[in-house]
Amino acid sequence: MSDEERSARIREIDEDLARMRGDIDPSIDGPHDMVDAGQNLAAREELAGQIEELEAERERLMRGT
């Protein structure tokens, strides 16, 4: 991967991370029952996992490996 491709991918990851972090809903008044709360928790955990993977990829690209 060339330096230009690496920089482009890092920019793309940064944009994705910003969007994903914005998608995490910190409000507690959203769910009104246990099913909603469970679905909200599952969605947040999935999003957190995706963010973690992108952060790891970004770190690898920054190191140049």
C-alpha atoms as a PDB file:
ATOM      1  CA  MET A   1       0.000   0.000   0.000  1.00  0.00           C
ATOM      2  CA  SER A   2       1.449   3.348  -1.035  1.00  0.00           C
ATOM      3  CA  ASP A   3       1.710   6.303   1.328  1.00  0.00           C
ATOM      4  CA  GLU A   4      -1.065   8.044  -0.602  1.00  0.00           C
ATOM      5  CA  GLU A   5      -3.377   5.034  -0.301  1.00  0.00           C
ATOM      6  CA  ARG A   6      -2.543   4.712   3.392  1.00  0.00           C
ATOM      7  CA  SER A   7      -3.321   8.392   4.003  1.00  0.00           C
ATOM      8  CA  ALA A   8      -6.604   8.102   2.097  1.00  0.00           C
ATOM      9  CA  ARG A   9      -7.614   5.056   4.131  1.00  0.00           C
ATOM     10  CA  ILE A  10      -6.733   6.802   7.400  1.00  0.00           C
ATOM     11  CA  ARG A  11      -8.922   9.768   6.386  1.00  0.00           C
ATOM     12  CA  GLU A  12     -11.745   7.370   5.523  1.00  0.00           C
ATOM     13  CA  ILE A  13     -11.376   5.600   8.871  1.00  0.00           C
ATOM     14  CA  ASP A  14     -11.358   8.946  10.715  1.00  0.00           C
ATOM     15  CA  GLU A  15     -14.608   9.934   8.985  1.00  0.00           C
ATOM     16  CA  ASP A  16     -16.185   6.557   9.781  1.00  0.00           C
ATOM     17  CA  LEU A  17     -15.086   6.758  13.418  1.00  0.00           C
ATOM     18  CA  ALA A  18     -16.535  10.249  13.809  1.00  0.00           C
ATOM     19  CA  ARG A  19     -19.838   9.119  12.317  1.00  0.00           C
ATOM     20  CA  MET A  20     -19.984   5.955  14.428  1.00  0.00           C
ATOM     21  CA  ARG A  21     -19.136   7.773  17.641  1.00  0.00           C
ATOM     22  CA  GLY A  22     -21.916  10.219  16.831  1.00  0.00           C
ATOM     23  CA  ASP A  23     -24.309   7.304  16.325  1.00  0.00           C
ATOM     24  CA  ILE A  24     -23.821   6.055  19.874  1.00  0.00           C
ATOM     25  CA  ASP A  25     -26.912   7.244  21.720  1.00  0.00           C
ATOM     26  CA  PRO A  26     -26.020   8.190  25.287  1.00  0.00           C
ATOM     27  CA  SER A  27     -29.605   8.961  26.271  1.00  0.00           C
ATOM     28  CA  ILE A  28     -31.204   6.824  28.917  1.00  0.00           C
ATOM     29  CA  ASP A  29     -34.769   7.960  28.284  1.00  0.00           C
ATOM     30  CA  GLY A  30     -34.936   6.262  24.876  1.00  0.00           C
ATOM     31  CA  PRO A  31     -35.882   2.687  25.804  1.00  0.00           C
ATOM     32  CA  HIS A  32     -39.125   2.284  27.665  1.00  0.00           C
ATOM     33  CA  ASP A  33     -39.067  -1.437  28.353  1.00  0.00           C
ATOM     34  CA  MET A  34     -36.621  -4.293  28.772  1.00  0.00           C
ATOM     35  CA  VAL A  35     -36.825  -5.326  25.108  1.00  0.00           C
ATOM     36  CA  ASP A  36     -35.933  -1.819  23.915  1.00  0.00           C
ATOM     37  CA  ALA A  37     -33.157  -1.601  26.488  1.00  0.00           C
ATOM     38  CA  GLY A  38     -31.743  -4.960  25.377  1.00  0.00           C
ATOM     39  CA  GLN A  39     -31.853  -3.997  21.713  1.00  0.00           C
ATOM     40  CA  ASN A  40     -30.211  -0.663  22.489  1.00  0.00           C
ATOM     41  CA  LEU A  41     -27.452  -2.377  24.452  1.00  0.00           C
ATOM     42  CA  ALA A  42     -26.830  -4.926  21.688  1.00  0.00           C
ATOM     43  CA  ALA A  43     -26.634  -2.178  19.066  1.00  0.00           C
ATOM     44  CA  ARG A  44     -24.233  -0.136  21.204  1.00  0.00           C
ATOM     45  CA  GLU A  45     -21.999  -3.170  21.787  1.00  0.00           C
ATOM     46  CA  GLU A  46     -21.934  -3.979  18.081  1.00  0.00           C
ATOM     47  CA  LEU A  47     -21.076  -0.384  17.227  1.00  0.00           C
ATOM     48  CA  ALA A  48     -18.371  -0.332  19.908  1.00  0.00           C
ATOM     49  CA  GLY A  49     -16.863  -3.485  18.397  1.00  0.00           C
ATOM     50  CA  GLN A  50     -16.796  -1.914  14.942  1.00  0.00           C
ATOM     51  CA  ILE A  51     -15.175   1.217  16.363  1.00  0.00           C
ATOM     52  CA  GLU A  52     -12.545  -0.901  18.097  1.00  0.00           C
ATOM     53  CA  GLU A  53     -11.727  -2.717  14.840  1.00  0.00           C
ATOM     54  CA  LEU A  54     -11.394   0.554  12.920  1.00  0.00           C
ATOM     55  CA  GLU A  55      -9.179   2.035  15.636  1.00  0.00           C
ATOM     56  CA  ALA A  56      -6.908  -1.017  15.450  1.00  0.00           C
ATOM     57  CA  GLU A  57      -6.719  -0.760  11.650  1.00  0.00           C
ATOM     58  CA  ARG A  58      -5.942   2.959  11.918  1.00  0.00           C
ATOM     59  CA  GLU A  59      -3.170   2.247  14.421  1.00  0.00           C
ATOM     60  CA  ARG A  60      -1.649  -0.376  12.088  1.00  0.00           C
ATOM     61  CA  LEU A  61      -1.751   2.065   9.182  1.00  0.00           C
ATOM     62  CA  MET A  62      -0.166   4.818  11.271  1.00  0.00           C
ATOM     63  CA  ARG A  63       2.699   2.471  12.156  1.00  0.00           C
ATOM     64  CA  GLY A  64       3.039   1.562   8.494  1.00  0.00           C
ATOM     65  CA  THR A  65       2.479  -2.179   8.916  1.00  0.00           C
END
